């Protein structure tokens, strides 16, 4: 996207747009905290091997059939982690469009995206 188009978009961002984006960003953060806590639950219950060692497949298939409880716990964590990566990526692509390139947040969001991976 050219700088002129991006500048035009950032000038059109209203305070309501920024507020809404902030709410979405806080929601993404809350969701990521829940994913981390679910990961702690996976570790505490010893369910980490519930899907075997063939990542990203779960026991050789995309969606496990007739899974044990350990498989359900691990598969749920894998699915929520993947969704977490997508939410962070989408949120980070919206930062420059919402608050502008001249703010420190675009660089910070790139750092957060790197840590999420």
N, C-alpha and C. Protein backbone atom coordinates (compact mmCIF):
# COMPACT_ATOMS: atom_id res chain seq x y z
N UNK A 1 0.85 -1.17 0.00
CA UNK A 1 0.00 0.00 0.00
C UNK A 1 0.90 1.23 0.00
N UNK A 2 0.58 2.20 -0.84
CA UNK A 2 1.43 3.37 -0.96
C UNK A 2 1.28 4.26 0.28
N UNK A 3 2.28 5.06 0.52
CA UNK A 3 2.27 5.95 1.68
C UNK A 3 1.15 6.96 1.62
N UNK A 4 0.81 7.46 0.41
CA UNK A 4 -0.26 8.45 0.28
C UNK A 4 -1.61 7.85 0.62
N UNK A 5 -1.85 6.61 0.19
CA UNK A 5 -3.12 5.95 0.50
C UNK A 5 -3.20 5.68 2.00
N UNK A 6 -2.09 5.21 2.57
CA UNK A 6 -2.06 4.94 4.00
C UNK A 6 -2.26 6.22 4.79
N UNK A 7 -1.61 7.31 4.37
CA UNK A 7 -1.77 8.59 5.07
C UNK A 7 -3.22 9.06 4.99
N UNK A 8 -3.85 8.87 3.85
CA UNK A 8 -5.25 9.28 3.71
C UNK A 8 -6.14 8.46 4.63
N UNK A 9 -5.85 7.17 4.75
CA UNK A 9 -6.65 6.33 5.64
C UNK A 9 -6.46 6.72 7.10
N UNK A 10 -5.21 7.00 7.50
CA UNK A 10 -4.98 7.33 8.90
C UNK A 10 -5.57 8.68 9.27
N UNK A 11 -5.65 9.59 8.32
CA UNK A 11 -6.26 10.89 8.61
C UNK A 11 -7.77 10.75 8.78
N UNK A 12 -8.37 9.73 8.21
CA UNK A 12 -9.80 9.53 8.30
C UNK A 12 -10.22 8.77 9.55
N UNK A 13 -9.29 8.24 10.33
CA UNK A 13 -9.63 7.50 11.53
C UNK A 13 -10.18 8.45 12.58
N UNK A 14 -11.37 8.19 12.99
CA UNK A 14 -12.01 9.03 13.99
C UNK A 14 -11.67 8.52 15.39
N UNK A 15 -11.91 9.33 16.41
CA UNK A 15 -11.70 8.85 17.77
C UNK A 15 -12.52 7.60 18.07
N UNK A 16 -13.71 7.51 17.49
CA UNK A 16 -14.54 6.31 17.69
C UNK A 16 -13.87 5.08 17.09
N UNK A 17 -13.24 5.25 15.91
CA UNK A 17 -12.52 4.13 15.29
C UNK A 17 -11.36 3.69 16.17
N UNK A 18 -10.63 4.65 16.69
CA UNK A 18 -9.50 4.32 17.56
C UNK A 18 -9.97 3.65 18.84
N UNK A 19 -11.07 4.12 19.39
CA UNK A 19 -11.63 3.53 20.61
C UNK A 19 -12.05 2.08 20.34
N UNK A 20 -12.74 1.88 19.21
CA UNK A 20 -13.18 0.53 18.83
C UNK A 20 -11.97 -0.38 18.63
N UNK A 21 -10.95 0.14 17.96
CA UNK A 21 -9.74 -0.66 17.75
C UNK A 21 -9.11 -1.03 19.09
N UNK A 22 -9.09 -0.08 20.01
CA UNK A 22 -8.55 -0.35 21.35
C UNK A 22 -9.32 -1.45 22.05
N UNK A 23 -10.63 -1.44 21.92
CA UNK A 23 -11.45 -2.48 22.53
C UNK A 23 -11.15 -3.84 21.91
N UNK A 24 -11.00 -3.87 20.60
CA UNK A 24 -10.65 -5.12 19.93
C UNK A 24 -9.27 -5.60 20.38
N UNK A 25 -8.32 -4.68 20.47
CA UNK A 25 -6.97 -5.06 20.90
C UNK A 25 -6.98 -5.62 22.32
N UNK A 26 -7.74 -5.02 23.21
CA UNK A 26 -7.86 -5.54 24.58
C UNK A 26 -8.52 -6.92 24.57
N UNK A 27 -9.50 -7.11 23.68
CA UNK A 27 -10.14 -8.42 23.55
C UNK A 27 -9.16 -9.48 23.08
N UNK A 28 -8.31 -9.11 22.12
CA UNK A 28 -7.29 -10.04 21.63
C UNK A 28 -6.31 -10.38 22.75
N UNK A 29 -5.93 -9.39 23.54
CA UNK A 29 -5.04 -9.64 24.68
C UNK A 29 -5.69 -10.60 25.67
N UNK A 30 -6.95 -10.35 26.01
CA UNK A 30 -7.66 -11.22 26.96
C UNK A 30 -7.73 -12.66 26.42
N UNK A 31 -8.02 -12.80 25.13
CA UNK A 31 -8.09 -14.12 24.52
C UNK A 31 -6.73 -14.82 24.60
N UNK A 32 -5.65 -14.08 24.34
CA UNK A 32 -4.31 -14.67 24.42
C UNK A 32 -3.97 -15.10 25.83
N UNK A 33 -4.41 -14.34 26.82
CA UNK A 33 -4.18 -14.74 28.21
C UNK A 33 -4.91 -16.05 28.50
N UNK A 34 -6.15 -16.17 27.98
CA UNK A 34 -6.89 -17.43 28.17
C UNK A 34 -6.19 -18.60 27.49
N UNK A 35 -5.60 -18.36 26.32
CA UNK A 35 -4.87 -19.42 25.62
C UNK A 35 -3.66 -19.86 26.45
N UNK A 36 -2.97 -18.90 27.04
CA UNK A 36 -1.81 -19.23 27.88
C UNK A 36 -2.26 -20.02 29.11
N UNK A 37 -3.35 -19.60 29.72
CA UNK A 37 -3.87 -20.32 30.89
C UNK A 37 -4.32 -21.74 30.51
N UNK A 38 -4.92 -21.87 29.32
CA UNK A 38 -5.31 -23.20 28.86
C UNK A 38 -4.06 -24.06 28.63
N UNK A 39 -2.98 -23.44 28.14
CA UNK A 39 -1.72 -24.16 27.99
C UNK A 39 -1.18 -24.64 29.33
N UNK A 40 -1.35 -23.83 30.37
CA UNK A 40 -0.94 -24.25 31.71
C UNK A 40 -1.79 -25.44 32.17
N UNK A 41 -3.07 -25.42 31.82
CA UNK A 41 -3.96 -26.54 32.16
C UNK A 41 -3.52 -27.81 31.43
N UNK A 42 -3.14 -27.66 30.15
CA UNK A 42 -2.64 -28.80 29.38
C UNK A 42 -1.43 -29.38 30.08
N UNK A 43 -0.53 -28.53 30.50
CA UNK A 43 0.70 -28.98 31.18
C UNK A 43 0.38 -29.64 32.51
N UNK A 44 -0.51 -29.02 33.30
CA UNK A 44 -0.84 -29.53 34.63
C UNK A 44 -1.54 -30.89 34.57
N UNK A 45 -2.33 -31.11 33.53
CA UNK A 45 -3.04 -32.39 33.42
C UNK A 45 -2.22 -33.45 32.69
N UNK A 46 -1.07 -33.08 32.17
CA UNK A 46 -0.24 -34.04 31.45
C UNK A 46 -0.83 -34.43 30.10
N UNK A 47 -1.64 -33.54 29.52
CA UNK A 47 -2.31 -33.84 28.26
C UNK A 47 -1.51 -33.41 27.04
N UNK A 48 -0.29 -32.97 27.23
CA UNK A 48 0.52 -32.45 26.13
C UNK A 48 0.79 -33.43 25.01
N UNK A 49 0.76 -34.73 25.32
CA UNK A 49 0.98 -35.75 24.29
C UNK A 49 -0.33 -36.33 23.78
N UNK A 50 -1.43 -35.66 24.10
CA UNK A 50 -2.75 -36.17 23.72
C UNK A 50 -2.95 -36.28 22.23
N UNK A 51 -2.21 -35.51 21.45
CA UNK A 51 -2.33 -35.56 19.98
C UNK A 51 -1.13 -36.23 19.34
N UNK A 52 -0.24 -36.77 20.11
CA UNK A 52 0.95 -37.39 19.56
C UNK A 52 1.98 -36.33 19.16
N UNK A 53 2.98 -36.73 18.41
CA UNK A 53 4.06 -35.81 18.06
C UNK A 53 4.01 -35.38 16.60
N UNK A 54 2.90 -35.57 15.93
CA UNK A 54 2.79 -35.19 14.51
C UNK A 54 2.11 -33.84 14.37
N UNK A 55 2.73 -32.80 14.83
CA UNK A 55 2.14 -31.48 14.72
C UNK A 55 2.17 -31.04 13.27
N UNK A 56 1.18 -30.44 12.72
CA UNK A 56 -0.06 -29.94 13.32
C UNK A 56 -1.19 -30.96 13.35
N UNK A 57 -0.95 -32.16 12.85
CA UNK A 57 -2.00 -33.17 12.90
C UNK A 57 -2.17 -33.71 14.31
N UNK A 58 -3.34 -34.22 14.57
CA UNK A 58 -3.63 -34.80 15.88
C UNK A 58 -3.82 -36.30 15.69
N UNK A 59 -2.82 -37.04 16.11
CA UNK A 59 -2.80 -38.50 15.92
C UNK A 59 -2.97 -38.88 14.45
N UNK A 60 -2.35 -38.09 13.57
CA UNK A 60 -2.34 -38.39 12.14
C UNK A 60 -3.52 -37.86 11.35
N UNK A 61 -4.48 -37.20 12.00
CA UNK A 61 -5.65 -36.65 11.30
C UNK A 61 -5.85 -35.19 11.71
N UNK A 62 -6.59 -34.46 10.87
CA UNK A 62 -6.85 -33.05 11.18
C UNK A 62 -7.76 -32.90 12.40
N UNK A 63 -8.85 -33.66 12.43
CA UNK A 63 -9.79 -33.62 13.56
C UNK A 63 -9.90 -35.04 14.10
N UNK A 64 -9.55 -35.23 15.37
CA UNK A 64 -9.54 -36.58 15.92
C UNK A 64 -10.96 -37.18 16.01
N UNK A 65 -11.03 -38.47 15.74
CA UNK A 65 -12.30 -39.21 15.88
C UNK A 65 -12.25 -40.03 17.14
N UNK A 66 -13.33 -40.04 17.89
CA UNK A 66 -13.44 -40.79 19.15
C UNK A 66 -12.23 -40.53 20.07
N UNK A 67 -11.97 -39.24 20.36
CA UNK A 67 -10.77 -38.92 21.15
C UNK A 67 -10.93 -39.21 22.64
N UNK A 68 -9.79 -39.42 23.28
CA UNK A 68 -9.75 -39.51 24.74
C UNK A 68 -9.76 -38.08 25.29
N UNK A 69 -9.95 -37.94 26.58
CA UNK A 69 -10.02 -36.61 27.19
C UNK A 69 -8.70 -35.85 27.01
N UNK A 70 -7.56 -36.56 27.07
CA UNK A 70 -6.27 -35.90 26.86
C UNK A 70 -6.17 -35.33 25.45
N UNK A 71 -6.70 -36.06 24.49
CA UNK A 71 -6.69 -35.61 23.10
C UNK A 71 -7.57 -34.38 22.93
N UNK A 72 -8.72 -34.38 23.56
CA UNK A 72 -9.62 -33.22 23.48
C UNK A 72 -8.95 -31.98 24.06
N UNK A 73 -8.31 -32.15 25.21
CA UNK A 73 -7.64 -31.01 25.86
C UNK A 73 -6.53 -30.47 24.97
N UNK A 74 -5.67 -31.35 24.46
CA UNK A 74 -4.55 -30.92 23.61
C UNK A 74 -5.04 -30.33 22.29
N UNK A 75 -6.03 -30.98 21.67
CA UNK A 75 -6.54 -30.49 20.39
C UNK A 75 -7.17 -29.10 20.56
N UNK A 76 -7.89 -28.91 21.64
CA UNK A 76 -8.49 -27.59 21.91
C UNK A 76 -7.41 -26.54 22.07
N UNK A 77 -6.32 -26.88 22.73
CA UNK A 77 -5.23 -25.92 22.89
C UNK A 77 -4.58 -25.61 21.54
N UNK A 78 -4.40 -26.60 20.72
CA UNK A 78 -3.82 -26.35 19.39
C UNK A 78 -4.72 -25.45 18.56
N UNK A 79 -6.03 -25.71 18.60
CA UNK A 79 -6.98 -24.91 17.83
C UNK A 79 -7.02 -23.46 18.35
N UNK A 80 -7.06 -23.29 19.66
CA UNK A 80 -7.12 -21.92 20.22
C UNK A 80 -5.81 -21.18 19.98
N UNK A 81 -4.70 -21.89 19.98
CA UNK A 81 -3.41 -21.26 19.69
C UNK A 81 -3.35 -20.78 18.25
N UNK A 82 -3.85 -21.59 17.32
CA UNK A 82 -3.89 -21.18 15.92
C UNK A 82 -4.78 -19.97 15.72
N UNK A 83 -5.93 -19.96 16.37
CA UNK A 83 -6.82 -18.80 16.29
C UNK A 83 -6.17 -17.57 16.91
N UNK A 84 -5.41 -17.78 17.96
CA UNK A 84 -4.69 -16.69 18.60
C UNK A 84 -3.70 -16.04 17.64
N UNK A 85 -2.97 -16.86 16.91
CA UNK A 85 -2.03 -16.33 15.92
C UNK A 85 -2.75 -15.50 14.87
N UNK A 86 -3.89 -15.99 14.41
CA UNK A 86 -4.66 -15.25 13.41
C UNK A 86 -5.17 -13.91 13.96
N UNK A 87 -5.67 -13.91 15.19
CA UNK A 87 -6.19 -12.65 15.75
C UNK A 87 -5.08 -11.62 15.93
N UNK A 88 -3.90 -12.08 16.34
CA UNK A 88 -2.77 -11.16 16.49
C UNK A 88 -2.36 -10.63 15.13
N UNK A 89 -2.31 -11.49 14.13
CA UNK A 89 -1.91 -11.06 12.78
C UNK A 89 -2.89 -10.04 12.21
N UNK A 90 -4.17 -10.30 12.34
CA UNK A 90 -5.18 -9.38 11.81
C UNK A 90 -5.12 -8.05 12.56
N UNK A 91 -5.00 -8.11 13.87
CA UNK A 91 -4.91 -6.88 14.66
C UNK A 91 -3.69 -6.06 14.26
N UNK A 92 -2.57 -6.73 14.06
CA UNK A 92 -1.34 -6.02 13.69
C UNK A 92 -1.41 -5.39 12.31
N UNK A 93 -2.16 -5.98 11.41
CA UNK A 93 -2.29 -5.36 10.10
C UNK A 93 -3.16 -4.11 10.16
N UNK A 94 -3.98 -3.98 11.17
CA UNK A 94 -4.87 -2.84 11.31
C UNK A 94 -4.24 -1.66 12.06
N UNK A 95 -3.13 -1.88 12.75
CA UNK A 95 -2.52 -0.81 13.54
C UNK A 95 -2.15 0.41 12.69
N UNK A 96 -1.38 0.27 11.63
CA UNK A 96 -1.01 1.46 10.85
C UNK A 96 -2.22 2.16 10.24
N UNK A 97 -3.24 1.41 9.87
CA UNK A 97 -4.42 2.00 9.26
C UNK A 97 -5.26 2.76 10.28
N UNK A 98 -5.18 2.37 11.53
CA UNK A 98 -6.03 2.98 12.55
C UNK A 98 -5.35 4.15 13.24
N UNK A 99 -4.09 3.96 13.65
CA UNK A 99 -3.45 5.03 14.42
C UNK A 99 -2.31 5.72 13.70
N UNK A 100 -1.88 5.20 12.57
CA UNK A 100 -0.85 5.86 11.78
C UNK A 100 0.52 5.26 11.97
N UNK A 101 1.36 5.45 10.97
CA UNK A 101 2.73 4.93 10.98
C UNK A 101 3.66 5.72 11.88
N UNK A 102 3.32 6.97 12.17
CA UNK A 102 4.23 7.82 12.93
C UNK A 102 4.16 7.55 14.43
N UNK A 103 3.28 6.69 14.86
CA UNK A 103 3.15 6.35 16.28
C UNK A 103 4.06 5.17 16.61
N UNK A 104 4.43 4.99 17.89
CA UNK A 104 5.31 3.88 18.24
C UNK A 104 4.62 2.52 18.16
N UNK A 105 3.30 2.47 18.12
CA UNK A 105 2.58 1.19 18.15
C UNK A 105 2.88 0.27 16.97
N UNK A 106 3.04 0.75 15.71
CA UNK A 106 3.33 -0.20 14.64
C UNK A 106 4.58 -1.04 14.88
N UNK A 107 5.64 -0.43 15.37
CA UNK A 107 6.85 -1.19 15.68
C UNK A 107 6.63 -2.14 16.83
N UNK A 108 5.90 -1.69 17.82
CA UNK A 108 5.59 -2.53 18.97
C UNK A 108 4.72 -3.70 18.56
N UNK A 109 3.75 -3.46 17.68
CA UNK A 109 2.87 -4.55 17.25
C UNK A 109 3.64 -5.58 16.45
N UNK A 110 4.61 -5.17 15.68
CA UNK A 110 5.44 -6.12 14.93
C UNK A 110 6.23 -6.99 15.91
N UNK A 111 6.71 -6.40 16.98
CA UNK A 111 7.42 -7.15 18.02
C UNK A 111 6.48 -8.16 18.67
N UNK A 112 5.25 -7.76 18.97
CA UNK A 112 4.29 -8.66 19.58
C UNK A 112 3.96 -9.81 18.65
N UNK A 113 3.82 -9.52 17.37
CA UNK A 113 3.53 -10.58 16.40
C UNK A 113 4.67 -11.59 16.35
N UNK A 114 5.88 -11.11 16.42
CA UNK A 114 7.05 -12.00 16.41
C UNK A 114 7.04 -12.88 17.65
N UNK A 115 6.72 -12.31 18.80
CA UNK A 115 6.68 -13.10 20.04
C UNK A 115 5.54 -14.10 20.02
N UNK A 116 4.44 -13.78 19.36
CA UNK A 116 3.30 -14.69 19.30
C UNK A 116 3.64 -15.94 18.51
N UNK A 117 4.52 -15.79 17.52
CA UNK A 117 4.90 -16.94 16.70
C UNK A 117 5.82 -17.82 17.51
